[in-house]
PDB file of N, CA and C in Angstrom:
ATOM      1  N   MET A   1    -123.754  71.119  68.512  1.00  0.00           N
ATOM      2  CA  MET A   1    -124.339  70.833  69.801  1.00  0.00           C
ATOM      3  C   MET A   1    -124.797  69.379  69.872  1.00  0.00           C
ATOM      4  N   ILE A   2    -125.347  68.889  68.778  1.00  0.00           N
ATOM      5  CA  ILE A   2    -125.808  67.499  68.764  1.00  0.00           C
ATOM      6  C   ILE A   2    -124.625  66.549  68.934  1.00  0.00           C
ATOM      7  N   SER A   3    -123.510  66.877  68.296  1.00  0.00           N
ATOM      8  CA  SER A   3    -122.336  66.006  68.414  1.00  0.00           C
ATOM      9  C   SER A   3    -121.807  65.973  69.845  1.00  0.00           C
ATOM     10  N   LYS A   4    -121.894  67.084  70.547  1.00  0.00           N
ATOM     11  CA  LYS A   4    -121.444  67.143  71.939  1.00  0.00           C
ATOM     12  C   LYS A   4    -122.316  66.257  72.826  1.00  0.00           C
ATOM     13  N   VAL A   5    -123.615  66.297  72.608  1.00  0.00           N
ATOM     14  CA  VAL A   5    -124.541  65.466  73.388  1.00  0.00           C
ATOM     15  C   VAL A   5    -124.275  63.991  73.106  1.00  0.00           C
ATOM     16  N   LEU A   6    -124.109  63.642  71.828  1.00  0.00           N
ATOM     17  CA  LEU A   6    -123.831  62.253  71.471  1.00  0.00           C
ATOM     18  C   LEU A   6    -122.501  61.782  72.061  1.00  0.00           C
ATOM     19  N   ALA A   7    -121.495  62.629  72.001  1.00  0.00           N
ATOM     20  CA  ALA A   7    -120.183  62.268  72.545  1.00  0.00           C
ATOM     21  C   ALA A   7    -120.259  62.024  74.046  1.00  0.00           C
ATOM     22  N   ASN A   8    -120.990  62.855  74.752  1.00  0.00           N
ATOM     23  CA  ASN A   8    -121.130  62.675  76.200  1.00  0.00           C
ATOM     24  C   ASN A   8    -121.880  61.399  76.541  1.00  0.00           C
ATOM     25  N   ARG A   9    -122.864  61.046  75.739  1.00  0.00           N
ATOM     26  CA  ARG A   9    -123.617  59.814  75.994  1.00  0.00           C
ATOM     27  C   ARG A   9    -122.797  58.575  75.650  1.00  0.00           C
ATOM     28  N   LEU A  10    -122.012  58.656  74.590  1.00  0.00           N
ATOM     29  CA  LEU A  10    -121.206  57.506  74.175  1.00  0.00           C
ATOM     30  C   LEU A  10    -119.995  57.288  75.076  1.00  0.00           C
ATOM     31  N   LYS A  11    -119.571  58.318  75.775  1.00  0.00           N
ATOM     32  CA  LYS A  11    -118.406  58.229  76.653  1.00  0.00           C
ATOM     33  C   LYS A  11    -118.571  57.115  77.685  1.00  0.00           C
ATOM     34  N   ILE A  12    -119.791  56.891  78.115  1.00  0.00           N
ATOM     35  CA  ILE A  12    -120.081  55.862  79.113  1.00  0.00           C
ATOM     36  C   ILE A  12    -119.771  54.473  78.561  1.00  0.00           C
ATOM     37  N   TYR A  13    -120.056  54.250  77.292  1.00  0.00           N
ATOM     38  CA  TYR A  13    -119.941  52.923  76.690  1.00  0.00           C
ATOM     39  C   TYR A  13    -118.603  52.669  76.008  1.00  0.00           C
ATOM     40  N   LEU A  14    -117.794  53.691  75.830  1.00  0.00           N
ATOM     41  CA  LEU A  14    -116.522  53.517  75.127  1.00  0.00           C
ATOM     42  C   LEU A  14    -115.564  52.586  75.858  1.00  0.00           C
ATOM     43  N   ASP A  15    -115.606  52.571  77.182  1.00  0.00           N
ATOM     44  CA  ASP A  15    -114.717  51.692  77.942  1.00  0.00           C
ATOM     45  C   ASP A  15    -114.950  50.227  77.599  1.00  0.00           C
ATOM     46  N   LYS A  16    -116.179  49.878  77.312  1.00  0.00           N
ATOM     47  CA  LYS A  16    -116.507  48.487  76.987  1.00  0.00           C
ATOM     48  C   LYS A  16    -116.144  48.140  75.549  1.00  0.00           C
ATOM     49  N   CYS A  17    -116.120  49.111  74.670  1.00  0.00           N
ATOM     50  CA  CYS A  17    -115.908  48.865  73.239  1.00  0.00           C
ATOM     51  C   CYS A  17    -114.458  49.023  72.804  1.00  0.00           C
ATOM     52  N   VAL A  18    -113.689  49.807  73.526  1.00  0.00           N
ATOM     53  CA  VAL A  18    -112.334  50.156  73.096  1.00  0.00           C
ATOM     54  C   VAL A  18    -111.334  49.561  74.081  1.00  0.00           C
ATOM     55  N   SER A  19    -110.305  48.895  73.557  1.00  0.00           N
ATOM     56  CA  SER A  19    -109.289  48.306  74.429  1.00  0.00           C
ATOM     57  C   SER A  19    -108.333  49.387  74.938  1.00  0.00           C
ATOM     58  N   GLN A  20    -107.547  49.033  75.937  1.00  0.00           N
ATOM     59  CA  GLN A  20    -106.626  49.999  76.542  1.00  0.00           C
ATOM     60  C   GLN A  20    -105.505  50.403  75.594  1.00  0.00           C
ATOM     61  N   GLU A  21    -105.192  49.533  74.620  1.00  0.00           N
ATOM     62  CA  GLU A  21    -104.126  49.846  73.676  1.00  0.00           C
ATOM     63  C   GLU A  21    -104.517  50.961  72.719  1.00  0.00           C
ATOM     64  N   GLN A  22    -105.792  51.190  72.572  1.00  0.00           N
ATOM     65  CA  GLN A  22    -106.268  52.232  71.669  1.00  0.00           C
ATOM     66  C   GLN A  22    -106.373  53.548  72.436  1.00  0.00           C
ATOM     67  N   SER A  23    -105.235  54.121  72.731  1.00  0.00           N
ATOM     68  CA  SER A  23    -105.199  55.298  73.600  1.00  0.00           C
ATOM     69  C   SER A  23    -105.709  56.559  72.930  1.00  0.00           C
ATOM     70  N   VAL A  24    -105.974  56.500  71.634  1.00  0.00           N
ATOM     71  CA  VAL A  24    -106.489  57.686  70.959  1.00  0.00           C
ATOM     72  C   VAL A  24    -107.878  58.048  71.488  1.00  0.00           C
ATOM     73  N   PHE A  25    -108.570  57.058  72.045  1.00  0.00           N
ATOM     74  CA  PHE A  25    -109.900  57.309  72.579  1.00  0.00           C
ATOM     75  C   PHE A  25    -109.884  57.663  74.058  1.00  0.00           C
ATOM     76  N   VAL A  26    -108.703  57.696  74.660  1.00  0.00           N
ATOM     77  CA  VAL A  26    -108.585  58.044  76.067  1.00  0.00           C
ATOM     78  C   VAL A  26    -108.527  59.555  76.189  1.00  0.00           C
ATOM     79  N   GLU A  27    -109.327  60.083  77.068  1.00  0.00           N
ATOM     80  CA  GLU A  27    -109.386  61.535  77.237  1.00  0.00           C
ATOM     81  C   GLU A  27    -108.034  62.067  77.705  1.00  0.00           C
ATOM     82  N   GLY A  28    -107.570  63.119  77.074  1.00  0.00           N
ATOM     83  CA  GLY A  28    -106.307  63.730  77.438  1.00  0.00           C
ATOM     84  C   GLY A  28    -105.114  63.217  76.654  1.00  0.00           C
ATOM     85  N   ARG A  29    -105.306  62.220  75.809  1.00  0.00           N
ATOM     86  CA  ARG A  29    -104.223  61.678  74.991  1.00  0.00           C
ATOM     87  C   ARG A  29    -104.363  62.145  73.559  1.00  0.00           C
ATOM     88  N   SER A  30    -103.246  62.334  72.927  1.00  0.00           N
ATOM     89  CA  SER A  30    -103.220  62.750  71.533  1.00  0.00           C
ATOM     90  C   SER A  30    -103.000  61.536  70.637  1.00  0.00           C
ATOM     91  N   ILE A  31    -103.432  61.636  69.401  1.00  0.00           N
ATOM     92  CA  ILE A  31    -103.234  60.543  68.450  1.00  0.00           C
ATOM     93  C   ILE A  31    -101.750  60.353  68.147  1.00  0.00           C
ATOM     94  N   LEU A  32    -100.955  61.383  68.351  1.00  0.00           N
ATOM     95  CA  LEU A  32     -99.519  61.300  68.077  1.00  0.00           C
ATOM     96  C   LEU A  32     -98.734  60.596  69.175  1.00  0.00           C
ATOM     97  N   ASP A  33     -99.330  60.433  70.354  1.00  0.00           N
ATOM     98  CA  ASP A  33     -98.622  59.782  71.457  1.00  0.00           C
ATOM     99  C   ASP A  33     -98.147  58.386  71.074  1.00  0.00           C
ATOM    100  N   ASN A  34     -99.032  57.582  70.468  1.00  0.00           N
ATOM    101  CA  ASN A  34     -98.648  56.223  70.087  1.00  0.00           C
ATOM    102  C   ASN A  34     -97.558  56.230  69.034  1.00  0.00           C
ATOM    103  N   ALA A  35     -97.635  57.135  68.081  1.00  0.00           N
ATOM    104  CA  ALA A  35     -96.618  57.203  67.031  1.00  0.00           C
ATOM    105  C   ALA A  35     -95.258  57.566  67.623  1.00  0.00           C
ATOM    106  N   LEU A  36     -95.222  58.513  68.531  1.00  0.00           N
ATOM    107  CA  LEU A  36     -93.954  58.918  69.144  1.00  0.00           C
ATOM    108  C   LEU A  36     -93.358  57.796  69.985  1.00  0.00           C
ATOM    109  N   ILE A  37     -94.200  57.079  70.709  1.00  0.00           N
ATOM    110  CA  ILE A  37     -93.714  55.960  71.518  1.00  0.00           C
ATOM    111  C   ILE A  37     -93.153  54.865  70.616  1.00  0.00           C
ATOM    112  N   ALA A  38     -93.849  54.577  69.516  1.00  0.00           N
ATOM    113  CA  ALA A  38     -93.380  53.550  68.580  1.00  0.00           C
ATOM    114  C   ALA A  38     -92.031  53.927  67.980  1.00  0.00           C
ATOM    115  N   ILE A  39     -91.856  55.179  67.614  1.00  0.00           N
ATOM    116  CA  ILE A  39     -90.584  55.639  67.050  1.00  0.00           C
ATOM    117  C   ILE A  39     -89.461  55.493  68.073  1.00  0.00           C
ATOM    118  N   GLU A  40     -89.722  55.844  69.318  1.00  0.00           N
ATOM    119  CA  GLU A  40     -88.705  55.726  70.359  1.00  0.00           C
ATOM    120  C   GLU A  40     -88.328  54.270  70.613  1.00  0.00           C
ATOM    121  N   VAL A  41     -89.313  53.377  70.609  1.00  0.00           N
ATOM    122  CA  VAL A  41     -89.038  51.954  70.834  1.00  0.00           C
ATOM    123  C   VAL A  41     -88.212  51.384  69.689  1.00  0.00           C
ATOM    124  N   ILE A  42     -88.582  51.698  68.459  1.00  0.00           N
ATOM    125  CA  ILE A  42     -87.829  51.211  67.296  1.00  0.00           C
ATOM    126  C   ILE A  42     -86.398  51.738  67.325  1.00  0.00           C
ATOM    127  N   HIS A  43     -86.236  52.990  67.669  1.00  0.00           N
ATOM    128  CA  HIS A  43     -84.897  53.580  67.753  1.00  0.00           C
ATOM    129  C   HIS A  43     -84.058  52.868  68.818  1.00  0.00           C
ATOM    130  N   ALA A  44     -84.656  52.605  69.971  1.00  0.00           N
ATOM    131  CA  ALA A  44     -83.929  51.921  71.042  1.00  0.00           C
ATOM    132  C   ALA A  44     -83.559  50.500  70.631  1.00  0.00           C
ATOM    133  N   LEU A  45     -84.455  49.801  69.951  1.00  0.00           N
ATOM    134  CA  LEU A  45     -84.162  48.439  69.498  1.00  0.00           C
ATOM    135  C   LEU A  45     -83.064  48.425  68.447  1.00  0.00           C
ATOM    136  N   LYS A  46     -83.075  49.391  67.554  1.00  0.00           N
ATOM    137  CA  LYS A  46     -82.024  49.471  66.534  1.00  0.00           C
ATOM    138  C   LYS A  46     -80.668  49.734  67.177  1.00  0.00           C
ATOM    139  N   ARG A  47     -80.647  50.583  68.186  1.00  0.00           N
ATOM    140  CA  ARG A  47     -79.394  50.881  68.886  1.00  0.00           C
ATOM    141  C   ARG A  47     -78.850  49.639  69.577  1.00  0.00           C
ATOM    142  N   LYS A  48     -79.738  48.844  70.182  1.00  0.00           N
ATOM    143  CA  LYS A  48     -79.312  47.629  70.870  1.00  0.00           C
ATOM    144  C   LYS A  48     -78.756  46.603  69.893  1.00  0.00           C
ATOM    145  N   THR A  49     -79.436  46.399  68.776  1.00  0.00           N
ATOM    146  CA  THR A  49     -79.022  45.349  67.839  1.00  0.00           C
ATOM    147  C   THR A  49     -77.758  45.725  67.075  1.00  0.00           C
ATOM    148  N   THR A  50     -77.534  46.987  66.780  1.00  0.00           N
ATOM    149  CA  THR A  50     -76.323  47.367  66.048  1.00  0.00           C
ATOM    150  C   THR A  50     -75.098  47.305  66.953  1.00  0.00           C
ATOM    151  N   GLY A  51     -75.267  47.409  68.233  1.00  0.00           N
ATOM    152  CA  GLY A  51     -74.145  47.343  69.158  1.00  0.00           C
ATOM    153  C   GLY A  51     -73.638  45.931  69.393  1.00  0.00           C
ATOM    154  N   ARG A  52     -74.390  44.915  69.013  1.00  0.00           N
ATOM    155  CA  ARG A  52     -74.017  43.527  69.278  1.00  0.00           C
ATOM    156  C   ARG A  52     -73.164  42.909  68.179  1.00  0.00           C
ATOM    157  N   ARG A  53     -72.926  43.569  67.102  1.00  0.00           N
ATOM    158  CA  ARG A  53     -72.167  42.984  65.984  1.00  0.00           C
ATOM    159  C   ARG A  53     -70.775  42.725  66.339  1.00  0.00           C
TER     160      ARG A  53
END
C-alpha cells in the first residue's frame, strides 16, 4: 500500500525527470516495446545494406 501511495505521488514529477525516449516509464508501455522496435530497425537496416552489394 505504501508503494502505491508513493508511486501515485511520484507520477506527477516523473515527466520532469524522465525523457520521452525512456518509454519504460510511460504508462501503458512495456519494457519490451523498445527492444522489439530496436530489433525491427536493425533487421530493416540489414536488409537495405545487403541489397546494395
